[in-house]
Amino acid sequence: TSLKEAVAKRLAFFVEMGCRVTDIGVPFFPNRLADEQEAADTFQKAL
């Protein structure tokens, strides 16, 4: 939850600074969607 809040705040700042485009270049491409709980558990493991 706080991760998403932080990302949203940073994006708002970028837009304020004129941002018009975004980039994703990770070599691993998703083929499924985790639900909120699973994604939260995975993020805790990463931390």
All heavy atoms as atom14 arrays in JSON, in Angstrom:
{
  "sequence": "TSLKEAVAKRLAFFVEMGCRVTDIGVPFFPNRLADEQEAADTFQKAL",
  "atom14_mask": [
    [1, 1, 1, 1, 1, 1, 1, 0, 0, 0, 0, 0, 0, 0],
    [1, 1, 1, 1, 1, 1, 0, 0, 0, 0, 0, 0, 0, 0],
    [1, 1, 1, 1, 1, 1, 1, 1, 0, 0, 0, 0, 0, 0],
    [1, 1, 1, 1, 1, 1, 1, 1, 1, 0, 0, 0, 0, 0],
    [1, 1, 1, 1, 1, 1, 1, 1, 1, 0, 0, 0, 0, 0],
    [1, 1, 1, 1, 1, 0, 0, 0, 0, 0, 0, 0, 0, 0],
    [1, 1, 1, 1, 1, 1, 1, 0, 0, 0, 0, 0, 0, 0],
    [1, 1, 1, 1, 1, 0, 0, 0, 0, 0, 0, 0, 0, 0],
    [1, 1, 1, 1, 1, 1, 1, 1, 1, 0, 0, 0, 0, 0],
    [1, 1, 1, 1, 1, 1, 1, 1, 1, 1, 1, 0, 0, 0],
    [1, 1, 1, 1, 1, 1, 1, 1, 0, 0, 0, 0, 0, 0],
    [1, 1, 1, 1, 1, 0, 0, 0, 0, 0, 0, 0, 0, 0],
    [1, 1, 1, 1, 1, 1, 1, 1, 1, 1, 1, 0, 0, 0],
    [1, 1, 1, 1, 1, 1, 1, 1, 1, 1, 1, 0, 0, 0],
    [1, 1, 1, 1, 1, 1, 1, 0, 0, 0, 0, 0, 0, 0],
    [1, 1, 1, 1, 1, 1, 1, 1, 1, 0, 0, 0, 0, 0],
    [1, 1, 1, 1, 1, 1, 1, 1, 0, 0, 0, 0, 0, 0],
    [1, 1, 1, 1, 0, 0, 0, 0, 0, 0, 0, 0, 0, 0],
    [1, 1, 1, 1, 1, 1, 0, 0, 0, 0, 0, 0, 0, 0],
    [1, 1, 1, 1, 1, 1, 1, 1, 1, 1, 1, 0, 0, 0],
    [1, 1, 1, 1, 1, 1, 1, 0, 0, 0, 0, 0, 0, 0],
    [1, 1, 1, 1, 1, 1, 1, 0, 0, 0, 0, 0, 0, 0],
    [1, 1, 1, 1, 1, 1, 1, 1, 0, 0, 0, 0, 0, 0],
    [1, 1, 1, 1, 1, 1, 1, 1, 0, 0, 0, 0, 0, 0],
    [1, 1, 1, 1, 0, 0, 0, 0, 0, 0, 0, 0, 0, 0],
    [1, 1, 1, 1, 1, 1, 1, 0, 0, 0, 0, 0, 0, 0],
    [1, 1, 1, 1, 1, 1, 1, 0, 0, 0, 0, 0, 0, 0],
    [1, 1, 1, 1, 1, 1, 1, 1, 1, 1, 1, 0, 0, 0],
    [1, 1, 1, 1, 1, 1, 1, 1, 1, 1, 1, 0, 0, 0],
    [1, 1, 1, 1, 1, 1, 1, 0, 0, 0, 0, 0, 0, 0],
    [1, 1, 1, 1, 1, 1, 1, 1, 0, 0, 0, 0, 0, 0],
    [1, 1, 1, 1, 1, 1, 1, 1, 1, 1, 1, 0, 0, 0],
    [1, 1, 1, 1, 1, 1, 1, 1, 0, 0, 0, 0, 0, 0],
    [1, 1, 1, 1, 1, 0, 0, 0, 0, 0, 0, 0, 0, 0],
    [1, 1, 1, 1, 1, 1, 1, 1, 0, 0, 0, 0, 0, 0],
    [1, 1, 1, 1, 1, 1, 1, 1, 1, 0, 0, 0, 0, 0],
    [1, 1, 1, 1, 1, 1, 1, 1, 1, 0, 0, 0, 0, 0],
    [1, 1, 1, 1, 1, 1, 1, 1, 1, 0, 0, 0, 0, 0],
    [1, 1, 1, 1, 1, 0, 0, 0, 0, 0, 0, 0, 0, 0],
    [1, 1, 1, 1, 1, 0, 0, 0, 0, 0, 0, 0, 0, 0],
    [1, 1, 1, 1, 1, 1, 1, 1, 0, 0, 0, 0, 0, 0],
    [1, 1, 1, 1, 1, 1, 1, 0, 0, 0, 0, 0, 0, 0],
    [1, 1, 1, 1, 1, 1, 1, 1, 1, 1, 1, 0, 0, 0],
    [1, 1, 1, 1, 1, 1, 1, 1, 1, 0, 0, 0, 0, 0],
    [1, 1, 1, 1, 1, 1, 1, 1, 1, 0, 0, 0, 0, 0],
    [1, 1, 1, 1, 1, 0, 0, 0, 0, 0, 0, 0, 0, 0],
    [1, 1, 1, 1, 1, 1, 1, 1, 0, 0, 0, 0, 0, 0]
  ],
  "atom14_positions": [
    [[0.83, -1.21, 0.0], [0.0, 0.0, 0.0], [0.86, 1.25, 0.0], [0.63, 2.18, -0.79], [-0.95, 0.0, 1.21], [-1.81, -1.13, 1.14], [-1.79, 1.27, 1.24], [0.0, 0.0, 0.0], [0.0, 0.0, 0.0], [0.0, 0.0, 0.0], [0.0, 0.0, 0.0], [0.0, 0.0, 0.0], [0.0, 0.0, 0.0], [0.0, 0.0, 0.0]],
    [[1.85, 1.29, 0.88], [2.72, 2.47, 0.93], [3.62, 2.55, -0.29], [3.99, 3.64, -0.73], [3.55, 2.47, 2.22], [4.25, 1.26, 2.4], [0.0, 0.0, 0.0], [0.0, 0.0, 0.0], [0.0, 0.0, 0.0], [0.0, 0.0, 0.0], [0.0, 0.0, 0.0], [0.0, 0.0, 0.0], [0.0, 0.0, 0.0], [0.0, 0.0, 0.0]],
    [[3.97, 1.4, -0.89], [4.74, 1.41, -2.14], [3.95, 2.12, -3.23], [4.48, 3.0, -3.92], [5.06, -0.02, -2.57], [5.75, -0.15, -3.93], [7.18, 0.34, -3.86], [5.7, -1.6, -4.44], [0.0, 0.0, 0.0], [0.0, 0.0, 0.0], [0.0, 0.0, 0.0], [0.0, 0.0, 0.0], [0.0, 0.0, 0.0], [0.0, 0.0, 0.0]],
    [[2.69, 1.75, -3.39], [1.87, 2.36, -4.43], [1.67, 3.85, -4.15], [1.67, 4.67, -5.09], [0.53, 1.64, -4.52], [0.63, 0.22, -5.06], [-0.74, -0.44, -5.11], [-0.65, -1.84, -5.71], [-1.97, -2.52, -5.75], [0.0, 0.0, 0.0], [0.0, 0.0, 0.0], [0.0, 0.0, 0.0], [0.0, 0.0, 0.0], [0.0, 0.0, 0.0]],
    [[1.52, 4.21, -2.91], [1.36, 5.62, -2.57], [2.61, 6.4, -2.94], [2.52, 7.52, -3.48], [1.09, 5.74, -1.07], [0.8, 7.17, -0.6], [0.55, 7.25, 0.89], [0.46, 6.19, 1.54], [0.45, 8.39, 1.41], [0.0, 0.0, 0.0], [0.0, 0.0, 0.0], [0.0, 0.0, 0.0], [0.0, 0.0, 0.0], [0.0, 0.0, 0.0]],
    [[3.77, 5.81, -2.68], [5.03, 6.5, -3.0], [5.2, 6.63, -4.51], [5.62, 7.69, -5.01], [6.2, 5.73, -2.39], [0.0, 0.0, 0.0], [0.0, 0.0, 0.0], [0.0, 0.0, 0.0], [0.0, 0.0, 0.0], [0.0, 0.0, 0.0], [0.0, 0.0, 0.0], [0.0, 0.0, 0.0], [0.0, 0.0, 0.0], [0.0, 0.0, 0.0]],
    [[4.89, 5.59, -5.25], [5.02, 5.63, -6.7], [4.08, 6.67, -7.29], [4.46, 7.45, -8.18], [4.74, 4.24, -7.31], [4.66, 4.32, -8.83], [5.81, 3.25, -6.89], [0.0, 0.0, 0.0], [0.0, 0.0, 0.0], [0.0, 0.0, 0.0], [0.0, 0.0, 0.0], [0.0, 0.0, 0.0], [0.0, 0.0, 0.0], [0.0, 0.0, 0.0]],
    [[2.85, 6.71, -6.81], [1.88, 7.68, -7.31], [2.35, 9.11, -7.03], [2.19, 10.01, -7.87], [0.52, 7.43, -6.67], [0.0, 0.0, 0.0], [0.0, 0.0, 0.0], [0.0, 0.0, 0.0], [0.0, 0.0, 0.0], [0.0, 0.0, 0.0], [0.0, 0.0, 0.0], [0.0, 0.0, 0.0], [0.0, 0.0, 0.0], [0.0, 0.0, 0.0]],
    [[2.95, 9.31, -5.88], [3.44, 10.65, -5.53], [4.6, 11.05, -6.43], [4.69, 12.2, -6.88], [3.86, 10.68, -4.07], [4.23, 12.08, -3.57], [4.49, 12.08, -2.07], [4.86, 13.48, -1.59], [5.12, 13.5, -0.12], [0.0, 0.0, 0.0], [0.0, 0.0, 0.0], [0.0, 0.0, 0.0], [0.0, 0.0, 0.0], [0.0, 0.0, 0.0]],
    [[5.49, 10.1, -6.7], [6.62, 10.41, -7.59], [6.14, 10.71, -9.0], [6.65, 11.61, -9.66], [7.61, 9.24, -7.6], [8.31, 8.99, -6.29], [9.04, 10.21, -5.8], [10.11, 10.61, -6.74], [10.7, 11.79, -6.73], [10.33, 12.72, -5.86], [11.67, 12.06, -7.59], [0.0, 0.0, 0.0], [0.0, 0.0, 0.0], [0.0, 0.0, 0.0]],
    [[5.15, 9.96, -9.48], [4.65, 10.21, -10.83], [4.01, 11.59, -10.92], [4.21, 12.31, -11.91], [3.64, 9.14, -11.24], [3.08, 9.29, -12.66], [4.19, 9.27, -13.71], [2.06, 8.21, -12.96], [0.0, 0.0, 0.0], [0.0, 0.0, 0.0], [0.0, 0.0, 0.0], [0.0, 0.0, 0.0], [0.0, 0.0, 0.0], [0.0, 0.0, 0.0]],
    [[3.27, 11.98, -9.91], [2.66, 13.31, -9.91], [3.74, 14.39, -10.01], [3.57, 15.39, -10.72], [1.82, 13.5, -8.65], [0.0, 0.0, 0.0], [0.0, 0.0, 0.0], [0.0, 0.0, 0.0], [0.0, 0.0, 0.0], [0.0, 0.0, 0.0], [0.0, 0.0, 0.0], [0.0, 0.0, 0.0], [0.0, 0.0, 0.0], [0.0, 0.0, 0.0]],
    [[4.87, 14.17, -9.33], [5.98, 15.12, -9.4], [6.58, 15.15, -10.81], [6.86, 16.22, -11.36], [7.04, 14.74, -8.37], [8.32, 15.51, -8.5], [8.35, 16.89, -8.34], [9.52, 14.86, -8.79], [9.54, 17.61, -8.46], [10.7, 15.55, -8.91], [10.71, 16.93, -8.75], [0.0, 0.0, 0.0], [0.0, 0.0, 0.0], [0.0, 0.0, 0.0]],
    [[6.77, 13.98, -11.41], [7.31, 13.91, -12.76], [6.39, 14.65, -13.74], [6.86, 15.37, -14.63], [7.5, 12.46, -13.19], [8.85, 11.88, -12.88], [9.29, 11.77, -11.56], [9.68, 11.43, -13.89], [10.53, 11.23, -11.26], [10.92, 10.88, -13.6], [11.35, 10.79, -12.28], [0.0, 0.0, 0.0], [0.0, 0.0, 0.0], [0.0, 0.0, 0.0]],
    [[5.08, 14.44, -13.61], [4.13, 15.1, -14.49], [4.21, 16.62, -14.31], [4.16, 17.39, -15.28], [2.7, 14.58, -14.25], [1.67, 15.42, -14.99], [2.59, 13.11, -14.67], [0.0, 0.0, 0.0], [0.0, 0.0, 0.0], [0.0, 0.0, 0.0], [0.0, 0.0, 0.0], [0.0, 0.0, 0.0], [0.0, 0.0, 0.0], [0.0, 0.0, 0.0]],
    [[4.33, 17.04, -13.07], [4.49, 18.47, -12.78], [5.72, 19.04, -13.49], [5.73, 20.21, -13.9], [4.59, 18.67, -11.27], [4.72, 20.12, -10.83], [4.89, 20.25, -9.33], [4.55, 19.29, -8.6], [5.39, 21.29, -8.89], [0.0, 0.0, 0.0], [0.0, 0.0, 0.0], [0.0, 0.0, 0.0], [0.0, 0.0, 0.0], [0.0, 0.0, 0.0]],
    [[6.75, 18.19, -13.65], [7.99, 18.61, -14.29], [7.96, 18.41, -15.81], [8.99, 18.56, -16.47], [9.17, 17.85, -13.69], [9.44, 18.18, -12.23], [9.9, 19.92, -12.0], [11.47, 19.95, -12.84], [0.0, 0.0, 0.0], [0.0, 0.0, 0.0], [0.0, 0.0, 0.0], [0.0, 0.0, 0.0], [0.0, 0.0, 0.0], [0.0, 0.0, 0.0]],
    [[6.81, 18.06, -16.35], [6.64, 17.99, -17.79], [6.64, 16.6, -18.4], [6.58, 16.46, -19.63], [0.0, 0.0, 0.0], [0.0, 0.0, 0.0], [0.0, 0.0, 0.0], [0.0, 0.0, 0.0], [0.0, 0.0, 0.0], [0.0, 0.0, 0.0], [0.0, 0.0, 0.0], [0.0, 0.0, 0.0], [0.0, 0.0, 0.0], [0.0, 0.0, 0.0]],
    [[6.69, 15.56, -17.58], [6.74, 14.19, -18.08], [5.54, 13.89, -18.97], [4.4, 14.14, -18.6], [6.79, 13.22, -16.91], [6.68, 11.48, -17.36], [0.0, 0.0, 0.0], [0.0, 0.0, 0.0], [0.0, 0.0, 0.0], [0.0, 0.0, 0.0], [0.0, 0.0, 0.0], [0.0, 0.0, 0.0], [0.0, 0.0, 0.0], [0.0, 0.0, 0.0]],
    [[5.83, 13.29, -20.16], [4.77, 12.87, -21.06], [4.86, 11.39, -21.42], [3.91, 10.81, -21.92], [4.83, 13.69, -22.36], [4.51, 15.16, -22.21], [3.09, 15.42, -21.78], [2.15, 14.67, -22.59], [1.09, 14.03, -22.1], [0.85, 14.02, -20.8], [0.29, 13.37, -22.91], [0.0, 0.0, 0.0], [0.0, 0.0, 0.0], [0.0, 0.0, 0.0]],
    [[6.03, 10.79, -21.19], [6.22, 9.39, -21.57], [6.81, 8.6, -20.41], [7.49, 9.15, -19.54], [7.12, 9.25, -22.82], [6.49, 9.92, -24.02], [8.51, 9.83, -22.57], [0.0, 0.0, 0.0], [0.0, 0.0, 0.0], [0.0, 0.0, 0.0], [0.0, 0.0, 0.0], [0.0, 0.0, 0.0], [0.0, 0.0, 0.0], [0.0, 0.0, 0.0]],
    [[6.55, 7.3, -20.42], [7.07, 6.41, -19.39], [7.77, 5.24, -20.06], [7.55, 4.96, -21.24], [5.93, 5.87, -18.5], [5.15, 4.93, -19.25], [5.03, 7.0, -18.01], [0.0, 0.0, 0.0], [0.0, 0.0, 0.0], [0.0, 0.0, 0.0], [0.0, 0.0, 0.0], [0.0, 0.0, 0.0], [0.0, 0.0, 0.0], [0.0, 0.0, 0.0]],
    [[8.63, 4.54, -19.31], [9.42, 3.45, -19.86], [9.4, 2.24, -18.94], [9.52, 2.39, -17.71], [10.89, 3.85, -20.03], [11.09, 4.86, -21.15], [10.65, 4.58, -22.26], [11.68, 5.92, -20.88], [0.0, 0.0, 0.0], [0.0, 0.0, 0.0], [0.0, 0.0, 0.0], [0.0, 0.0, 0.0], [0.0, 0.0, 0.0], [0.0, 0.0, 0.0]],
    [[9.29, 1.07, -19.53], [9.5, -0.19, -18.83], [10.41, -1.03, -19.7], [10.1, -1.28, -20.87], [8.18, -0.93, -18.55], [7.26, -0.11, -17.64], [8.46, -2.3, -17.92], [5.89, -0.73, -17.42], [0.0, 0.0, 0.0], [0.0, 0.0, 0.0], [0.0, 0.0, 0.0], [0.0, 0.0, 0.0], [0.0, 0.0, 0.0], [0.0, 0.0, 0.0]],
    [[11.53, -1.47, -19.16], [12.48, -2.26, -19.94], [12.98, -3.48, -19.22], [14.11, -3.92, -19.46], [0.0, 0.0, 0.0], [0.0, 0.0, 0.0], [0.0, 0.0, 0.0], [0.0, 0.0, 0.0], [0.0, 0.0, 0.0], [0.0, 0.0, 0.0], [0.0, 0.0, 0.0], [0.0, 0.0, 0.0], [0.0, 0.0, 0.0], [0.0, 0.0, 0.0]],
    [[12.18, -4.05, -18.31], [12.64, -5.23, -17.58], [12.65, -6.43, -18.52], [11.79, -6.55, -19.4], [11.75, -5.52, -16.35], [11.8, -4.36, -15.37], [10.32, -5.81, -16.74], [0.0, 0.0, 0.0], [0.0, 0.0, 0.0], [0.0, 0.0, 0.0], [0.0, 0.0, 0.0], [0.0, 0.0, 0.0], [0.0, 0.0, 0.0], [0.0, 0.0, 0.0]],
    [[13.63, -7.32, -18.38], [13.74, -8.45, -19.32], [12.74, -9.56, -19.06], [12.62, -10.48, -19.87], [15.17, -8.94, -19.1], [15.51, -8.52, -17.71], [14.78, -7.23, -17.47], [0.0, 0.0, 0.0], [0.0, 0.0, 0.0], [0.0, 0.0, 0.0], [0.0, 0.0, 0.0], [0.0, 0.0, 0.0], [0.0, 0.0, 0.0], [0.0, 0.0, 0.0]],
    [[12.02, -9.5, -17.94], [11.08, -10.57, -17.59], [9.67, -10.05, -17.82], [9.27, -9.04, -17.25], [11.27, -10.98, -16.13], [12.71, -11.14, -15.74], [13.35, -10.15, -15.02], [13.42, -12.26, -16.12], [14.69, -10.28, -14.67], [14.76, -12.4, -15.77], [15.39, -11.41, -15.05], [0.0, 0.0, 0.0], [0.0, 0.0, 0.0], [0.0, 0.0, 0.0]],
    [[8.89, -10.75, -18.65], [7.58, -10.24, -19.02], [6.48, -11.03, -18.3], [6.51, -12.26, -18.28], [7.38, -10.31, -20.53], [6.26, -9.43, -21.0], [6.45, -8.06, -21.05], [5.05, -9.95, -21.36], [5.44, -7.21, -21.48], [4.03, -9.13, -21.79], [4.22, -7.75, -21.84], [0.0, 0.0, 0.0], [0.0, 0.0, 0.0], [0.0, 0.0, 0.0]],
    [[5.51, -10.33, -17.71], [4.47, -11.03, -16.93], [3.5, -11.81, -17.79], [3.18, -11.41, -18.91], [3.75, -9.87, -16.21], [3.99, -8.69, -17.07], [5.34, -8.87, -17.67], [0.0, 0.0, 0.0], [0.0, 0.0, 0.0], [0.0, 0.0, 0.0], [0.0, 0.0, 0.0], [0.0, 0.0, 0.0], [0.0, 0.0, 0.0], [0.0, 0.0, 0.0]],
    [[3.04, -12.95, -17.25], [2.02, -13.74, -17.94], [0.86, -14.08, -17.01], [0.05, -14.93, -17.31], [2.62, -15.02, -18.51], [3.27, -15.88, -17.45], [3.26, -15.54, -16.26], [3.85, -17.0, -17.86], [0.0, 0.0, 0.0], [0.0, 0.0, 0.0], [0.0, 0.0, 0.0], [0.0, 0.0, 0.0], [0.0, 0.0, 0.0], [0.0, 0.0, 0.0]],
    [[0.8, -13.38, -15.86], [-0.32, -13.59, -14.95], [-0.42, -12.37, -14.03], [0.52, -11.56, -13.94], [-0.14, -14.86, -14.1], [1.15, -14.91, -13.29], [1.26, -16.2, -12.49], [0.28, -16.28, -11.42], [0.53, -15.9, -10.17], [1.72, -15.44, -9.81], [-0.4, -16.0, -9.26], [0.0, 0.0, 0.0], [0.0, 0.0, 0.0], [0.0, 0.0, 0.0]],
    [[-1.56, -12.23, -13.37], [-1.79, -11.14, -12.43], [-1.94, -11.71, -11.03], [-2.84, -12.54, -10.8], [-3.05, -10.36, -12.79], [-3.16, -9.7, -14.16], [-4.48, -8.93, -14.24], [-1.99, -8.78, -14.41], [0.0, 0.0, 0.0], [0.0, 0.0, 0.0], [0.0, 0.0, 0.0], [0.0, 0.0, 0.0], [0.0, 0.0, 0.0], [0.0, 0.0, 0.0]],
    [[-1.1, -11.28, -10.13], [-1.32, -11.63, -8.72], [-2.41, -10.74, -8.15], [-2.55, -9.57, -8.54], [-0.02, -11.43, -7.94], [0.0, 0.0, 0.0], [0.0, 0.0, 0.0], [0.0, 0.0, 0.0], [0.0, 0.0, 0.0], [0.0, 0.0, 0.0], [0.0, 0.0, 0.0], [0.0, 0.0, 0.0], [0.0, 0.0, 0.0], [0.0, 0.0, 0.0]],
    [[-3.2, -11.27, -7.22], [-4.17, -10.41, -6.56], [-3.46, -9.57, -5.51], [-2.24, -9.68, -5.3], [-5.31, -11.23, -5.96], [-4.86, -12.22, -4.89], [-3.77, -12.04, -4.3], [-5.59, -13.19, -4.64], [0.0, 0.0, 0.0], [0.0, 0.0, 0.0], [0.0, 0.0, 0.0], [0.0, 0.0, 0.0], [0.0, 0.0, 0.0], [0.0, 0.0, 0.0]],
    [[-4.21, -8.73, -4.83], [-3.61, -7.77, -3.89], [-2.82, -8.47, -2.8], [-1.71, -8.06, -2.45], [-4.71, -6.89, -3.29], [-4.19, -5.66, -2.56], [-3.76, -4.55, -3.52], [-4.15, -4.59, -4.69], [-3.02, -3.65, -3.07], [0.0, 0.0, 0.0], [0.0, 0.0, 0.0], [0.0, 0.0, 0.0], [0.0, 0.0, 0.0], [0.0, 0.0, 0.0]],
    [[-3.38, -9.54, -2.23], [-2.71, -10.22, -1.13], [-1.43, -10.9, -1.58], [-0.39, -10.81, -0.92], [-3.66, -11.24, -0.49], [-3.09, -11.9, 0.77], [-2.75, -10.89, 1.85], [-3.59, -10.11, 2.29], [-1.49, -10.88, 2.28], [0.0, 0.0, 0.0], [0.0, 0.0, 0.0], [0.0, 0.0, 0.0], [0.0, 0.0, 0.0], [0.0, 0.0, 0.0]],
    [[-1.51, -11.6, -2.71], [-0.31, -12.28, -3.2], [0.79, -11.29, -3.54], [1.97, -11.5, -3.21], [-0.64, -13.13, -4.43], [0.58, -13.9, -4.95], [0.35, -14.57, -6.29], [-0.8, -14.61, -6.76], [1.35, -15.05, -6.88], [0.0, 0.0, 0.0], [0.0, 0.0, 0.0], [0.0, 0.0, 0.0], [0.0, 0.0, 0.0], [0.0, 0.0, 0.0]],
    [[0.42, -10.19, -4.2], [1.41, -9.16, -4.54], [2.02, -8.55, -3.29], [3.23, -8.29, -3.23], [0.77, -8.08, -5.4], [0.0, 0.0, 0.0], [0.0, 0.0, 0.0], [0.0, 0.0, 0.0], [0.0, 0.0, 0.0], [0.0, 0.0, 0.0], [0.0, 0.0, 0.0], [0.0, 0.0, 0.0], [0.0, 0.0, 0.0], [0.0, 0.0, 0.0]],
    [[1.19, -8.35, -2.26], [1.68, -7.8, -0.99], [2.66, -8.77, -0.33], [3.71, -8.36, 0.2], [0.51, -7.5, -0.05], [0.0, 0.0, 0.0], [0.0, 0.0, 0.0], [0.0, 0.0, 0.0], [0.0, 0.0, 0.0], [0.0, 0.0, 0.0], [0.0, 0.0, 0.0], [0.0, 0.0, 0.0], [0.0, 0.0, 0.0], [0.0, 0.0, 0.0]],
    [[2.36, -10.05, -0.35], [3.26, -11.06, 0.23], [4.59, -11.11, -0.53], [5.67, -11.21, 0.08], [2.59, -12.44, 0.2], [1.39, -12.53, 1.13], [1.26, -11.67, 2.04], [0.57, -13.46, 0.96], [0.0, 0.0, 0.0], [0.0, 0.0, 0.0], [0.0, 0.0, 0.0], [0.0, 0.0, 0.0], [0.0, 0.0, 0.0], [0.0, 0.0, 0.0]],
    [[4.52, -11.05, -1.85], [5.74, -11.08, -2.66], [6.6, -9.85, -2.38], [7.83, -9.95, -2.26], [5.39, -11.14, -4.16], [4.63, -12.33, -4.41], [6.64, -11.16, -5.01], [0.0, 0.0, 0.0], [0.0, 0.0, 0.0], [0.0, 0.0, 0.0], [0.0, 0.0, 0.0], [0.0, 0.0, 0.0], [0.0, 0.0, 0.0], [0.0, 0.0, 0.0]],
    [[5.96, -8.71, -2.24], [6.73, -7.49, -1.95], [7.41, -7.57, -0.59], [8.56, -7.13, -0.43], [5.81, -6.26, -2.02], [6.53, -4.97, -1.77], [7.51, -4.53, -2.65], [6.25, -4.2, -0.65], [8.19, -3.33, -2.41], [6.92, -3.01, -0.41], [7.89, -2.57, -1.3], [0.0, 0.0, 0.0], [0.0, 0.0, 0.0], [0.0, 0.0, 0.0]],
    [[6.73, -8.16, 0.4], [7.36, -8.32, 1.71], [8.6, -9.21, 1.62], [9.63, -8.93, 2.25], [6.35, -8.92, 2.7], [5.33, -7.93, 3.23], [5.98, -6.76, 3.96], [6.89, -6.95, 4.77], [5.51, -5.55, 3.66], [0.0, 0.0, 0.0], [0.0, 0.0, 0.0], [0.0, 0.0, 0.0], [0.0, 0.0, 0.0], [0.0, 0.0, 0.0]],
    [[8.53, -10.25, 0.81], [9.7, -11.1, 0.62], [10.84, -10.32, -0.01], [12.01, -10.47, 0.36], [9.34, -12.3, -0.26], [8.44, -13.33, 0.43], [8.15, -14.5, -0.5], [7.28, -15.53, 0.21], [6.96, -16.69, -0.67], [0.0, 0.0, 0.0], [0.0, 0.0, 0.0], [0.0, 0.0, 0.0], [0.0, 0.0, 0.0], [0.0, 0.0, 0.0]],
    [[10.51, -9.47, -0.96], [11.54, -8.65, -1.6], [12.19, -7.71, -0.61], [13.42, -7.54, -0.61], [10.93, -7.86, -2.76], [0.0, 0.0, 0.0], [0.0, 0.0, 0.0], [0.0, 0.0, 0.0], [0.0, 0.0, 0.0], [0.0, 0.0, 0.0], [0.0, 0.0, 0.0], [0.0, 0.0, 0.0], [0.0, 0.0, 0.0], [0.0, 0.0, 0.0]],
    [[11.41, -7.11, 0.26], [11.95, -6.19, 1.26], [12.9, -6.89, 2.22], [13.87, -6.29, 2.71], [10.82, -5.53, 2.05], [10.05, -4.4, 1.38], [8.98, -3.87, 2.31], [11.01, -3.28, 0.98], [0.0, 0.0, 0.0], [0.0, 0.0, 0.0], [0.0, 0.0, 0.0], [0.0, 0.0, 0.0], [0.0, 0.0, 0.0], [0.0, 0.0, 0.0]]
  ]
}
